C-alpha atoms as a PDB file:
ATOM      1  CA  UNK A   1     -21.245 -14.240  -2.235  1.00  0.00           C
ATOM      2  CA  UNK A   2     -19.023 -17.283  -2.564  1.00  0.00           C
ATOM      3  CA  UNK A   3     -16.146 -17.537  -0.134  1.00  0.00           C
ATOM      4  CA  UNK A   4     -12.606 -18.181  -1.312  1.00  0.00           C
ATOM      5  CA  UNK A   5     -11.015 -21.336   0.066  1.00  0.00           C
ATOM      6  CA  UNK A   6      -7.378 -22.212   0.642  1.00  0.00           C
ATOM      7  CA  UNK A   7      -7.710 -25.301  -1.572  1.00  0.00           C
ATOM      8  CA  UNK A   8      -8.994 -23.279  -4.525  1.00  0.00           C
ATOM      9  CA  UNK A   9      -6.288 -20.654  -4.198  1.00  0.00           C
ATOM     10  CA  UNK A  10      -3.382 -23.099  -3.877  1.00  0.00           C
ATOM     11  CA  UNK A  11      -4.410 -24.488  -7.263  1.00  0.00           C
ATOM     12  CA  UNK A  12      -4.585 -21.003  -8.831  1.00  0.00           C
ATOM     13  CA  UNK A  13      -1.612 -19.132  -7.349  1.00  0.00           C
ATOM     14  CA  UNK A  14       2.131 -19.808  -7.147  1.00  0.00           C
ATOM     15  CA  UNK A  15       3.596 -20.779  -3.783  1.00  0.00           C
ATOM     16  CA  UNK A  16       6.827 -20.085  -1.918  1.00  0.00           C
ATOM     17  CA  UNK A  17       9.455 -22.790  -1.793  1.00  0.00           C
ATOM     18  CA  UNK A  18       9.856 -22.262   1.976  1.00  0.00           C
ATOM     19  CA  UNK A  19       7.917 -20.018   4.339  1.00  0.00           C
ATOM     20  CA  UNK A  20       7.504 -19.453   8.049  1.00  0.00           C
ATOM     21  CA  UNK A  21       4.929 -17.486  10.041  1.00  0.00           C
ATOM     22  CA  UNK A  22       5.617 -16.846  13.708  1.00  0.00           C
ATOM     23  CA  UNK A  23       4.001 -14.664  16.385  1.00  0.00           C
ATOM     24  CA  UNK A  24       5.869 -11.385  16.769  1.00  0.00           C
ATOM     25  CA  UNK A  25       7.748 -10.809  20.012  1.00  0.00           C
ATOM     26  CA  UNK A  26       8.289  -7.095  19.354  1.00  0.00           C
ATOM     27  CA  UNK A  27       7.322  -4.646  22.071  1.00  0.00           C
ATOM     28  CA  UNK A  28       3.757  -3.227  21.859  1.00  0.00           C
ATOM     29  CA  UNK A  29       3.460  -0.067  19.815  1.00  0.00           C
ATOM     30  CA  UNK A  30       5.961  -1.010  17.130  1.00  0.00           C
ATOM     31  CA  UNK A  31       4.863  -0.695  13.527  1.00  0.00           C
ATOM     32  CA  UNK A  32       4.969  -3.152  10.648  1.00  0.00           C
ATOM     33  CA  UNK A  33       8.131  -3.244   8.552  1.00  0.00           C
ATOM     34  CA  UNK A  34       9.479  -5.124   5.556  1.00  0.00           C
ATOM     35  CA  UNK A  35       7.952  -6.212   2.283  1.00  0.00           C
ATOM     36  CA  UNK A  36       8.544  -8.299  -0.837  1.00  0.00           C
ATOM     37  CA  UNK A  37      11.617  -7.831  -3.059  1.00  0.00           C
ATOM     38  CA  UNK A  38      11.126  -8.904  -6.661  1.00  0.00           C
ATOM     39  CA  UNK A  39      13.405  -8.393  -9.633  1.00  0.00           C
ATOM     40  CA  UNK A  40      11.352  -5.340 -10.671  1.00  0.00           C
ATOM     41  CA  UNK A  41      10.934  -3.761  -7.220  1.00  0.00           C
ATOM     42  CA  UNK A  42      11.893  -0.095  -6.970  1.00  0.00           C
ATOM     43  CA  UNK A  43      13.387   1.504  -3.871  1.00  0.00           C
ATOM     44  CA  UNK A  44      14.617   4.984  -3.107  1.00  0.00           C
ATOM     45  CA  UNK A  45      18.070   5.192  -1.479  1.00  0.00           C
ATOM     46  CA  UNK A  46      16.639   5.228   2.046  1.00  0.00           C
ATOM     47  CA  UNK A  47      14.461   2.166   1.391  1.00  0.00           C
ATOM     48  CA  UNK A  48      17.152   0.155  -0.381  1.00  0.00           C
ATOM     49  CA  UNK A  49      19.228  -0.311   2.767  1.00  0.00           C
ATOM     50  CA  UNK A  50      16.306  -1.986   4.562  1.00  0.00           C
ATOM     51  CA  UNK A  51      14.949  -3.983   1.609  1.00  0.00           C
ATOM     52  CA  UNK A  52      14.533  -7.768   2.025  1.00  0.00           C
ATOM     53  CA  UNK A  53      16.881 -10.066   0.088  1.00  0.00           C
ATOM     54  CA  UNK A  54      15.952 -10.626  -3.559  1.00  0.00           C
ATOM     55  CA  UNK A  55      13.175 -13.170  -4.073  1.00  0.00           C
ATOM     56  CA  UNK A  56      11.892 -13.032  -0.503  1.00  0.00           C
ATOM     57  CA  UNK A  57       9.017 -11.569   1.487  1.00  0.00           C
ATOM     58  CA  UNK A  58      10.300 -10.605   4.929  1.00  0.00           C
ATOM     59  CA  UNK A  59       7.666  -8.847   7.054  1.00  0.00           C
ATOM     60  CA  UNK A  60       7.881  -8.051  10.752  1.00  0.00           C
ATOM     61  CA  UNK A  61       5.244  -7.160  13.341  1.00  0.00           C
ATOM     62  CA  UNK A  62       2.195  -7.157  11.059  1.00  0.00           C
ATOM     63  CA  UNK A  63      -1.411  -7.763  11.998  1.00  0.00           C
ATOM     64  CA  UNK A  64      -3.260 -10.055   9.600  1.00  0.00           C
ATOM     65  CA  UNK A  65      -4.971  -6.984   8.141  1.00  0.00           C
ATOM     66  CA  UNK A  66      -1.544  -5.483   7.368  1.00  0.00           C
ATOM     67  CA  UNK A  67      -0.448  -8.692   5.659  1.00  0.00           C
ATOM     68  CA  UNK A  68      -3.665  -8.828   3.609  1.00  0.00           C
ATOM     69  CA  UNK A  69      -3.154  -5.220   2.535  1.00  0.00           C
ATOM     70  CA  UNK A  70       0.345  -6.026   1.264  1.00  0.00           C
ATOM     71  CA  UNK A  71      -0.610  -9.288  -0.449  1.00  0.00           C
ATOM     72  CA  UNK A  72      -3.670  -7.955  -2.277  1.00  0.00           C
ATOM     73  CA  UNK A  73      -2.160  -4.519  -3.028  1.00  0.00           C
ATOM     74  CA  UNK A  74      -4.810  -2.582  -1.080  1.00  0.00           C
ATOM     75  CA  UNK A  75      -3.634   1.016  -0.864  1.00  0.00           C
ATOM     76  CA  UNK A  76      -5.702   1.856   2.248  1.00  0.00           C
ATOM     77  CA  UNK A  77      -6.554  -0.131   5.357  1.00  0.00           C
ATOM     78  CA  UNK A  78     -10.149   1.123   5.346  1.00  0.00           C
ATOM     79  CA  UNK A  79     -10.738  -1.113   2.304  1.00  0.00           C
ATOM     80  CA  UNK A  80     -10.492  -4.140   4.641  1.00  0.00           C
ATOM     81  CA  UNK A  81     -13.488  -5.191   6.720  1.00  0.00           C
ATOM     82  CA  UNK A  82     -13.269  -7.987   9.250  1.00  0.00           C
ATOM     83  CA  UNK A  83     -15.507  -9.458  11.922  1.00  0.00           C
ATOM     84  CA  UNK A  84     -12.916 -11.103  14.224  1.00  0.00           C
ATOM     85  CA  UNK A  85     -11.455  -8.232  16.243  1.00  0.00           C
ATOM     86  CA  UNK A  86      -7.885  -9.609  16.406  1.00  0.00           C
ATOM     87  CA  UNK A  87      -7.427  -9.346  12.626  1.00  0.00           C
ATOM     88  CA  UNK A  88      -7.313  -5.546  12.453  1.00  0.00           C
ATOM     89  CA  UNK A  89      -6.853  -4.487  16.086  1.00  0.00           C
ATOM     90  CA  UNK A  90      -5.244  -5.672  19.287  1.00  0.00           C
ATOM     91  CA  UNK A  91      -1.734  -6.882  19.997  1.00  0.00           C
ATOM     92  CA  UNK A  92      -1.536 -10.053  17.870  1.00  0.00           C
ATOM     93  CA  UNK A  93       1.102  -9.536  15.206  1.00  0.00           C
ATOM     94  CA  UNK A  94       3.137 -11.891  13.059  1.00  0.00           C
ATOM     95  CA  UNK A  95       6.518 -12.225  11.364  1.00  0.00           C
ATOM     96  CA  UNK A  96       6.823 -13.762   7.890  1.00  0.00           C
ATOM     97  CA  UNK A  97       9.967 -14.979   6.156  1.00  0.00           C
ATOM     98  CA  UNK A  98       9.292 -16.639   2.797  1.00  0.00           C
ATOM     99  CA  UNK A  99      11.485 -17.413  -0.213  1.00  0.00           C
ATOM    100  CA  UNK A 100      10.564 -18.084  -3.844  1.00  0.00           C
ATOM    101  CA  UNK A 101      11.944 -21.121  -5.641  1.00  0.00           C
ATOM    102  CA  UNK A 102      13.651 -18.869  -8.220  1.00  0.00           C
ATOM    103  CA  UNK A 103      14.677 -15.667  -6.376  1.00  0.00           C
ATOM    104  CA  UNK A 104      16.448 -14.170  -9.416  1.00  0.00           C
ATOM    105  CA  UNK A 105      13.495 -14.714 -11.732  1.00  0.00           C
ATOM    106  CA  UNK A 106      10.507 -13.708  -9.590  1.00  0.00           C
ATOM    107  CA  UNK A 107       8.706 -10.376  -9.905  1.00  0.00           C
ATOM    108  CA  UNK A 108       7.206  -8.432  -7.010  1.00  0.00           C
ATOM    109  CA  UNK A 109       3.691  -9.198  -8.304  1.00  0.00           C
ATOM    110  CA  UNK A 110       4.468 -12.931  -8.271  1.00  0.00           C
ATOM    111  CA  UNK A 111       5.794 -12.670  -4.709  1.00  0.00           C
ATOM    112  CA  UNK A 112       2.593 -10.933  -3.621  1.00  0.00           C
ATOM    113  CA  UNK A 113       0.547 -13.696  -5.263  1.00  0.00           C
ATOM    114  CA  UNK A 114       2.612 -16.219  -3.287  1.00  0.00           C
ATOM    115  CA  UNK A 115       1.910 -14.201  -0.147  1.00  0.00           C
ATOM    116  CA  UNK A 116      -1.832 -14.434  -0.882  1.00  0.00           C
ATOM    117  CA  UNK A 117      -1.582 -18.217  -1.146  1.00  0.00           C
ATOM    118  CA  UNK A 118       0.428 -18.389   2.089  1.00  0.00           C
ATOM    119  CA  UNK A 119      -2.072 -16.303   4.078  1.00  0.00           C
ATOM    120  CA  UNK A 120      -5.060 -18.260   2.807  1.00  0.00           C
ATOM    121  CA  UNK A 121      -3.352 -21.546   3.619  1.00  0.00           C
ATOM    122  CA  UNK A 122      -1.820 -20.813   7.026  1.00  0.00           C
ATOM    123  CA  UNK A 123      -4.601 -18.552   8.394  1.00  0.00           C
ATOM    124  CA  UNK A 124      -7.396 -20.606   6.778  1.00  0.00           C
ATOM    125  CA  UNK A 125      -8.534 -17.269   5.397  1.00  0.00           C
ATOM    126  CA  UNK A 126     -11.973 -16.969   3.801  1.00  0.00           C
ATOM    127  CA  UNK A 127     -13.082 -13.719   2.216  1.00  0.00           C
ATOM    128  CA  UNK A 128     -15.159 -12.085  -0.472  1.00  0.00           C
ATOM    129  CA  UNK A 129     -15.141  -8.759  -2.313  1.00  0.00           C
ATOM    130  CA  UNK A 130     -17.888  -6.130  -2.097  1.00  0.00           C
ATOM    131  CA  UNK A 131     -18.294  -3.085  -4.332  1.00  0.00           C
ATOM    132  CA  UNK A 132     -19.645   0.067  -2.675  1.00  0.00           C
ATOM    133  CA  UNK A 133     -19.978   3.742  -3.544  1.00  0.00           C
ATOM    134  CA  UNK A 134     -18.788   6.400  -1.106  1.00  0.00           C
ATOM    135  CA  UNK A 135     -18.304  10.146  -1.143  1.00  0.00           C
ATOM    136  CA  UNK A 136     -14.753  10.896  -2.178  1.00  0.00           C
ATOM    137  CA  UNK A 137     -12.654  12.801  -4.680  1.00  0.00           C
ATOM    138  CA  UNK A 138     -11.210  12.454  -8.139  1.00  0.00           C
ATOM    139  CA  UNK A 139      -7.701  13.783  -8.725  1.00  0.00           C
ATOM    140  CA  UNK A 140      -7.928  15.676 -12.038  1.00  0.00           C
ATOM    141  CA  UNK A 141      -5.919  18.172 -14.083  1.00  0.00           C
ATOM    142  CA  UNK A 142      -6.896  21.763 -13.246  1.00  0.00           C
ATOM    143  CA  UNK A 143      -8.480  24.255 -15.621  1.00  0.00           C
ATOM    144  CA  UNK A 144      -5.120  25.834 -16.456  1.00  0.00           C
ATOM    145  CA  UNK A 145      -3.396  22.550 -17.231  1.00  0.00           C
ATOM    146  CA  UNK A 146      -0.841  20.394 -15.481  1.00  0.00           C
ATOM    147  CA  UNK A 147       2.417  21.909 -14.205  1.00  0.00           C
ATOM    148  CA  UNK A 148       4.078  18.511 -13.794  1.00  0.00           C
ATOM    149  CA  UNK A 149       7.343  17.622 -15.492  1.00  0.00           C
ATOM    150  CA  UNK A 150       7.800  14.119 -16.883  1.00  0.00           C
ATOM    151  CA  UNK A 151      10.645  12.404 -15.051  1.00  0.00           C
ATOM    152  CA  UNK A 152      13.918  11.400 -16.631  1.00  0.00           C
ATOM    153  CA  UNK A 153      14.956   9.463 -13.503  1.00  0.00           C
ATOM    154  CA  UNK A 154      15.513   5.738 -13.907  1.00  0.00           C
ATOM    155  CA  UNK A 155      13.583   4.787 -10.772  1.00  0.00           C
ATOM    156  CA  UNK A 156      11.331   6.138  -8.042  1.00  0.00           C
ATOM    157  CA  UNK A 157      13.146   8.384  -5.590  1.00  0.00           C
ATOM    158  CA  UNK A 158      11.727  10.108  -2.511  1.00  0.00           C
ATOM    159  CA  UNK A 159      14.037  12.959  -1.535  1.00  0.00           C
ATOM    160  CA  UNK A 160      11.746  14.357   1.176  1.00  0.00           C
ATOM    161  CA  UNK A 161       8.462  13.071   2.526  1.00  0.00           C
ATOM    162  CA  UNK A 162       7.220  14.920   5.615  1.00  0.00           C
ATOM    163  CA  UNK A 163       3.433  14.852   6.020  1.00  0.00           C
ATOM    164  CA  UNK A 164       3.428  15.346   9.811  1.00  0.00           C
ATOM    165  CA  UNK A 165       5.910  18.215  10.293  1.00  0.00           C
ATOM    166  CA  UNK A 166       6.823  19.975  13.507  1.00  0.00           C
ATOM    167  CA  UNK A 167       4.627  22.992  14.448  1.00  0.00           C
ATOM    168  CA  UNK A 168       5.350  26.023  12.307  1.00  0.00           C
ATOM    169  CA  UNK A 169       6.966  23.980   9.545  1.00  0.00           C
ATOM    170  CA  UNK A 170       5.313  23.045   6.236  1.00  0.00           C
ATOM    171  CA  UNK A 171       4.590  19.535   5.076  1.00  0.00           C
ATOM    172  CA  UNK A 172       6.609  18.685   2.002  1.00  0.00           C
ATOM    173  CA  UNK A 173       6.992  16.076  -0.726  1.00  0.00           C
ATOM    174  CA  UNK A 174      10.038  16.123  -3.003  1.00  0.00           C
ATOM    175  CA  UNK A 175       9.915  13.141  -5.340  1.00  0.00           C
ATOM    176  CA  UNK A 176      11.177  11.766  -8.637  1.00  0.00           C
ATOM    177  CA  UNK A 177       9.346   9.422 -11.010  1.00  0.00           C
ATOM    178  CA  UNK A 178       6.187   9.540  -8.868  1.00  0.00           C
ATOM    179  CA  UNK A 179       2.935   8.307 -10.433  1.00  0.00           C
ATOM    180  CA  UNK A 180      -0.452   9.967 -10.132  1.00  0.00           C
ATOM    181  CA  UNK A 181      -1.970   6.704  -8.864  1.00  0.00           C
ATOM    182  CA  UNK A 182       0.587   6.756  -6.031  1.00  0.00           C
ATOM    183  CA  UNK A 183      -0.231  10.409  -5.304  1.00  0.00           C
ATOM    184  CA  UNK A 184      -3.963   9.622  -5.175  1.00  0.00           C
ATOM    185  CA  UNK A 185      -3.230   6.830  -2.694  1.00  0.00           C
ATOM    186  CA  UNK A 186      -1.230   9.229  -0.531  1.00  0.00           C
ATOM    187  CA  UNK A 187      -4.038  11.792  -0.560  1.00  0.00           C
ATOM    188  CA  UNK A 188      -6.502   9.086   0.489  1.00  0.00           C
ATOM    189  CA  UNK A 189      -4.534   8.676   3.700  1.00  0.00           C
ATOM    190  CA  UNK A 190      -4.342  12.401   4.515  1.00  0.00           C
ATOM    191  CA  UNK A 191      -7.931  12.928   5.591  1.00  0.00           C
ATOM    192  CA  UNK A 192      -9.690  13.534   2.290  1.00  0.00           C
ATOM    193  CA  UNK A 193     -11.346  10.127   2.182  1.00  0.00           C
ATOM    194  CA  UNK A 194     -11.032   7.931  -0.906  1.00  0.00           C
ATOM    195  CA  UNK A 195      -9.223   9.608  -3.814  1.00  0.00           C
ATOM    196  CA  UNK A 196      -8.943   8.052  -7.263  1.00  0.00           C
ATOM    197  CA  UNK A 197      -6.673   9.110 -10.103  1.00  0.00           C
ATOM    198  CA  UNK A 198      -8.546  10.582 -13.062  1.00  0.00           C
ATOM    199  CA  UNK A 199      -5.779  12.835 -14.344  1.00  0.00           C
ATOM    200  CA  UNK A 200      -5.084  10.736 -17.415  1.00  0.00           C
ATOM    201  CA  UNK A 201      -1.396  11.373 -16.738  1.00  0.00           C
ATOM    202  CA  UNK A 202       0.648   8.204 -17.087  1.00  0.00           C
ATOM    203  CA  UNK A 203       4.248   7.506 -16.222  1.00  0.00           C
ATOM    204  CA  UNK A 204       6.297   9.153 -13.478  1.00  0.00           C
ATOM    205  CA  UNK A 205       6.791  12.821 -12.620  1.00  0.00           C
ATOM    206  CA  UNK A 206       9.287  14.950 -10.690  1.00  0.00           C
ATOM    207  CA  UNK A 207       7.739  17.490  -8.340  1.00  0.00           C
ATOM    208  CA  UNK A 208       7.957  19.269  -5.009  1.00  0.00           C
ATOM    209  CA  UNK A 209       4.733  19.892  -3.095  1.00  0.00           C
ATOM    210  CA  UNK A 210       4.674  22.034   0.072  1.00  0.00           C
ATOM    211  CA  UNK A 211       1.691  22.987   2.226  1.00  0.00           C
ATOM    212  CA  UNK A 212       0.654  24.081   5.726  1.00  0.00           C
ATOM    213  CA  UNK A 213      -2.926  23.597   6.869  1.00  0.00           C
ATOM    214  CA  UNK A 214      -2.493  26.175   9.665  1.00  0.00           C
ATOM    215  CA  UNK A 215      -0.741  29.071   7.933  1.00  0.00           C
ATOM    216  CA  UNK A 216      -1.373  28.156   4.291  1.00  0.00           C
ATOM    217  CA  UNK A 217      -1.400  27.173   1.627  1.00  0.00           C
ATOM    218  CA  UNK A 218      -3.819  24.318   2.343  1.00  0.00           C
ATOM    219  CA  UNK A 219      -3.031  21.043   0.589  1.00  0.00           C
ATOM    220  CA  UNK A 220      -5.902  21.424  -1.894  1.00  0.00           C
ATOM    221  CA  UNK A 221      -4.659  24.919  -2.796  1.00  0.00           C
ATOM    222  CA  UNK A 222      -1.050  23.750  -3.075  1.00  0.00           C
ATOM    223  CA  UNK A 223      -2.071  20.942  -5.409  1.00  0.00           C
ATOM    224  CA  UNK A 224      -3.581  23.441  -7.850  1.00  0.00           C
ATOM    225  CA  UNK A 225      -1.026  26.236  -7.527  1.00  0.00           C
ATOM    226  CA  UNK A 226       2.100  24.061  -7.535  1.00  0.00           C
ATOM    227  CA  UNK A 227       1.102  21.018  -9.613  1.00  0.00           C
ATOM    228  CA  UNK A 228      -1.904  22.164 -11.626  1.00  0.00           C
ATOM    229  CA  UNK A 229      -4.131  19.469 -10.123  1.00  0.00           C
ATOM    230  CA  UNK A 230      -7.521  19.603  -8.430  1.00  0.00           C
ATOM    231  CA  UNK A 231      -9.658  17.416  -6.187  1.00  0.00           C
ATOM    232  CA  UNK A 232     -13.227  17.146  -7.465  1.00  0.00           C
ATOM    233  CA  UNK A 233     -15.862  15.820  -5.035  1.00  0.00           C
ATOM    234  CA  UNK A 234     -17.706  12.834  -6.481  1.00  0.00           C
ATOM    235  CA  UNK A 235     -18.975   9.379  -5.692  1.00  0.00           C
ATOM    236  CA  UNK A 236     -16.110   6.894  -5.722  1.00  0.00           C
ATOM    237  CA  UNK A 237     -16.510   3.177  -6.360  1.00  0.00           C
ATOM    238  CA  UNK A 238     -14.504   1.093  -3.894  1.00  0.00           C
ATOM    239  CA  UNK A 239     -13.740  -2.617  -3.885  1.00  0.00           C
ATOM    240  CA  UNK A 240     -13.833  -3.790  -0.261  1.00  0.00           C
ATOM    241  CA  UNK A 241     -11.953  -6.850   0.948  1.00  0.00           C
ATOM    242  CA  UNK A 242     -14.273  -8.539   3.462  1.00  0.00           C
ATOM    243  CA  UNK A 243     -12.683 -11.140   5.731  1.00  0.00           C
ATOM    244  CA  UNK A 244     -15.386 -13.647   6.720  1.00  0.00           C
ATOM    245  CA  UNK A 245     -13.221 -15.896   8.873  1.00  0.00           C
ATOM    246  CA  UNK A 246      -9.626 -16.651   9.767  1.00  0.00           C
ATOM    247  CA  UNK A 247      -7.727 -18.719  12.307  1.00  0.00           C
ATOM    248  CA  UNK A 248      -4.441 -18.087  14.021  1.00  0.00           C
ATOM    249  CA  UNK A 249      -1.691 -20.098  12.287  1.00  0.00           C
ATOM    250  CA  UNK A 250      -0.335 -23.229  13.917  1.00  0.00           C
ATOM    251  CA  UNK A 251       3.296 -24.243  14.234  1.00  0.00           C
ATOM    252  CA  UNK A 252       5.292 -24.085  10.971  1.00  0.00           C
END
């Protein structure tokens, strides 16, 4: 497959007005934080306090694989394949601070496109996409119909989100205006393998989901009993992001 070059992408994608990439000096073990704040970005109250300024991508302590996942909107890290070990593992992490030319007129999608251009340019990133089929699940409406209530909230709100509770306590999600595509992405990261949304339910929904894999109900049971949804085993088509080569960025 043809590789994607920095020169080609700079001609096709918008670019930040100013941007810096620096090695992270955070202590080992810290996680990635930050993101891109466009005029249409949605944050729950807890996220809003830590959101970057409008029109900027401010990301701290991210491996290149993390940055790629954010820029290309990849909902799971397993969709990224890379040969150089430092891209997805190890201690090499980076901080990004980048600003659009028109902060008050730039969407989140446009900021992510700018982030793509920045990564390809500064990391001399070359990649291609592969399509593969793997065993996974489809999220579908159960035989007795959906129990979900369409949301009247103006924006996404996460009231509770505890997927790794203390022993003896249930895991719980309490959300407003939550999409089924977002729920499928969450389930993909909870040990089921790839999950795709085939519910046909559009828009956002308010729901509370509670489960306990040790004492019950299991998550798959809770999905059906509480939300009217099921996970059907099937072959899932995945689009992999394959990083062929990259170089550590030089001085800004």
